[in-house]
Amino acid sequence: MKITKSQLKQIILEELLFEDLTSSDKKEIKDIAKTAAEQAIKKAFKEELEKEIIKALGKKATKKEVAEIVKTVTKKLYRDLSITYPHLIDGVKI
C-alpha cells in the first residue's frame, strides 16, 4: 500500500491533534491564559479609572477641594520641617 504525501500530512496532523498534553504543556497554556486575562483586566480597569478621574477633576468644586488639601499638607509639612529641621529651610536657595 502506497501512502501519498497528502495522506501522510493528514495522519501526522491527526496524531498531533490527539497527542496528550504533558504537565509542562498544561502549565504553559495556563500561564499564557493567565497573562492574557491579567492584561485585559488591567487595561479595562485603567480605562475606567481614567474616565472617572477626568470626570471628577473636570468639576470646579473638585479642583478647589484638591487645592485646599494641597495647602493644608504644605502648611503642615512646612511647620514640621521648620520645627524639626530649621537648618534645612535656611539652606533653601531661591
C-alpha atoms as a PDB file:
ATOM      1  CA  MET A   1       0.000   0.000   0.000  1.00  0.00           C
ATOM      2  CA  LYS A   2       1.364   3.364  -1.041  1.00  0.00           C
ATOM      3  CA  ILE A   3       0.730   6.490   1.039  1.00  0.00           C
ATOM      4  CA  THR A   4       0.513   9.796  -0.767  1.00  0.00           C
ATOM      5  CA  LYS A   5       2.023  12.956   0.536  1.00  0.00           C
ATOM      6  CA  SER A   6      -1.376  14.446   1.422  1.00  0.00           C
ATOM      7  CA  GLN A   7      -2.395  11.287   3.289  1.00  0.00           C
ATOM      8  CA  LEU A   8       0.849  11.377   5.251  1.00  0.00           C
ATOM      9  CA  LYS A   9       0.231  15.021   6.175  1.00  0.00           C
ATOM     10  CA  GLN A  10      -3.296  14.130   7.320  1.00  0.00           C
ATOM     11  CA  ILE A  11      -2.037  11.256   9.502  1.00  0.00           C
ATOM     12  CA  ILE A  12       0.650  13.449  11.108  1.00  0.00           C
ATOM     13  CA  LEU A  13      -1.849  16.233  11.706  1.00  0.00           C
ATOM     14  CA  GLU A  14      -4.307  13.838  13.372  1.00  0.00           C
ATOM     15  CA  GLU A  15      -1.560  12.426  15.591  1.00  0.00           C
ATOM     16  CA  LEU A  16      -0.500  15.890  16.694  1.00  0.00           C
ATOM     17  CA  LEU A  17      -4.075  16.909  17.486  1.00  0.00           C
ATOM     18  CA  PHE A  18      -4.785  13.849  19.633  1.00  0.00           C
ATOM     19  CA  GLU A  19      -1.441  13.831  21.411  1.00  0.00           C
ATOM     20  CA  ASP A  20      -1.735  14.021  25.192  1.00  0.00           C
ATOM     21  CA  LEU A  21      -0.544  17.219  26.764  1.00  0.00           C
ATOM     22  CA  THR A  22       2.279  16.950  29.243  1.00  0.00           C
ATOM     23  CA  SER A  23       2.147  18.750  32.560  1.00  0.00           C
ATOM     24  CA  SER A  24       4.615  21.352  31.280  1.00  0.00           C
ATOM     25  CA  ASP A  25       2.372  21.990  28.251  1.00  0.00           C
ATOM     26  CA  LYS A  26      -0.634  22.416  30.512  1.00  0.00           C
ATOM     27  CA  LYS A  27       1.296  24.790  32.758  1.00  0.00           C
ATOM     28  CA  GLU A  28       2.455  26.854  29.778  1.00  0.00           C
ATOM     29  CA  ILE A  29      -1.105  27.122  28.445  1.00  0.00           C
ATOM     30  CA  LYS A  30      -2.326  28.119  31.904  1.00  0.00           C
ATOM     31  CA  ASP A  31       0.375  30.801  32.212  1.00  0.00           C
ATOM     32  CA  ILE A  32      -0.433  32.219  28.769  1.00  0.00           C
ATOM     33  CA  ALA A  33      -4.146  32.376  29.583  1.00  0.00           C
ATOM     34  CA  LYS A  34      -3.465  33.965  32.980  1.00  0.00           C
ATOM     35  CA  THR A  35      -1.196  36.625  31.471  1.00  0.00           C
ATOM     36  CA  ALA A  36      -3.710  37.457  28.756  1.00  0.00           C
ATOM     37  CA  ALA A  37      -6.537  37.734  31.298  1.00  0.00           C
ATOM     38  CA  GLU A  38      -4.481  39.957  33.623  1.00  0.00           C
ATOM     39  CA  GLN A  39      -3.564  42.287  30.761  1.00  0.00           C
ATOM     40  CA  ALA A  40      -7.198  42.574  29.681  1.00  0.00           C
ATOM     41  CA  ILE A  41      -8.347  43.320  33.228  1.00  0.00           C
ATOM     42  CA  LYS A  42      -5.601  45.906  33.789  1.00  0.00           C
ATOM     43  CA  LYS A  43      -6.439  47.656  30.531  1.00  0.00           C
ATOM     44  CA  ALA A  44     -10.160  47.776  31.311  1.00  0.00           C
ATOM     45  CA  PHE A  45      -9.513  48.970  34.875  1.00  0.00           C
ATOM     46  CA  LYS A  46      -7.101  51.654  33.697  1.00  0.00           C
ATOM     47  CA  GLU A  47      -9.562  52.984  31.115  1.00  0.00           C
ATOM     48  CA  GLU A  48     -12.413  53.127  33.653  1.00  0.00           C
ATOM     49  CA  LEU A  49     -10.202  54.793  36.244  1.00  0.00           C
ATOM     50  CA  GLU A  50      -9.036  57.419  33.748  1.00  0.00           C
ATOM     51  CA  LYS A  51     -12.629  58.184  32.754  1.00  0.00           C
ATOM     52  CA  GLU A  52     -13.689  58.634  36.376  1.00  0.00           C
ATOM     53  CA  ILE A  53     -10.675  60.816  37.233  1.00  0.00           C
ATOM     54  CA  ILE A  54     -11.275  63.044  34.206  1.00  0.00           C
ATOM     55  CA  LYS A  55     -14.938  63.303  35.116  1.00  0.00           C
ATOM     56  CA  ALA A  56     -14.157  64.148  38.774  1.00  0.00           C
ATOM     57  CA  LEU A  57     -11.332  66.603  38.094  1.00  0.00           C
ATOM     58  CA  GLY A  58     -13.337  68.411  35.468  1.00  0.00           C
ATOM     59  CA  LYS A  59     -15.583  69.908  38.151  1.00  0.00           C
ATOM     60  CA  LYS A  60     -14.621  73.230  39.742  1.00  0.00           C
ATOM     61  CA  ALA A  61     -15.609  72.017  43.226  1.00  0.00           C
ATOM     62  CA  THR A  62     -13.162  69.104  42.957  1.00  0.00           C
ATOM     63  CA  LYS A  63     -10.352  71.420  41.881  1.00  0.00           C
ATOM     64  CA  LYS A  64     -10.995  73.642  44.897  1.00  0.00           C
ATOM     65  CA  GLU A  65     -11.022  70.630  47.219  1.00  0.00           C
ATOM     66  CA  VAL A  66      -7.707  69.401  45.819  1.00  0.00           C
ATOM     67  CA  ALA A  67      -6.211  72.895  46.199  1.00  0.00           C
ATOM     68  CA  GLU A  68      -7.336  73.073  49.844  1.00  0.00           C
ATOM     69  CA  ILE A  69      -5.864  69.652  50.596  1.00  0.00           C
ATOM     70  CA  VAL A  70      -2.554  70.636  48.990  1.00  0.00           C
ATOM     71  CA  LYS A  71      -2.473  73.882  51.001  1.00  0.00           C
ATOM     72  CA  THR A  72      -3.150  72.052  54.251  1.00  0.00           C
ATOM     73  CA  VAL A  73      -0.493  69.423  53.593  1.00  0.00           C
ATOM     74  CA  THR A  74       2.044  72.068  52.570  1.00  0.00           C
ATOM     75  CA  LYS A  75       1.393  74.103  55.733  1.00  0.00           C
ATOM     76  CA  LYS A  76       1.768  71.045  57.968  1.00  0.00           C
ATOM     77  CA  LEU A  77       4.917  69.949  56.154  1.00  0.00           C
ATOM     78  CA  TYR A  78       6.417  73.440  56.480  1.00  0.00           C
ATOM     79  CA  ARG A  79       5.563  73.541  60.207  1.00  0.00           C
ATOM     80  CA  ASP A  80       7.092  70.119  60.828  1.00  0.00           C
ATOM     81  CA  LEU A  81      10.220  70.944  58.840  1.00  0.00           C
ATOM     82  CA  SER A  82      10.694  74.336  60.489  1.00  0.00           C
ATOM     83  CA  ILE A  83      10.449  72.856  63.982  1.00  0.00           C
ATOM     84  CA  THR A  84      12.395  69.664  63.348  1.00  0.00           C
ATOM     85  CA  TYR A  85      14.938  70.789  60.761  1.00  0.00           C
ATOM     86  CA  PRO A  86      15.321  74.598  60.769  1.00  0.00           C
ATOM     87  CA  HIS A  87      18.742  74.365  59.077  1.00  0.00           C
ATOM     88  CA  LEU A  88      17.050  72.589  56.149  1.00  0.00           C
ATOM     89  CA  ILE A  89      14.797  75.559  55.449  1.00  0.00           C
ATOM     90  CA  ASP A  90      17.665  78.001  55.921  1.00  0.00           C
ATOM     91  CA  GLY A  91      19.607  76.186  53.232  1.00  0.00           C
ATOM     92  CA  VAL A  92      16.870  76.510  50.599  1.00  0.00           C
ATOM     93  CA  LYS A  93      18.063  78.732  47.758  1.00  0.00           C
ATOM     94  CA  ILE A  94      15.514  80.853  45.945  1.00  0.00           C
END
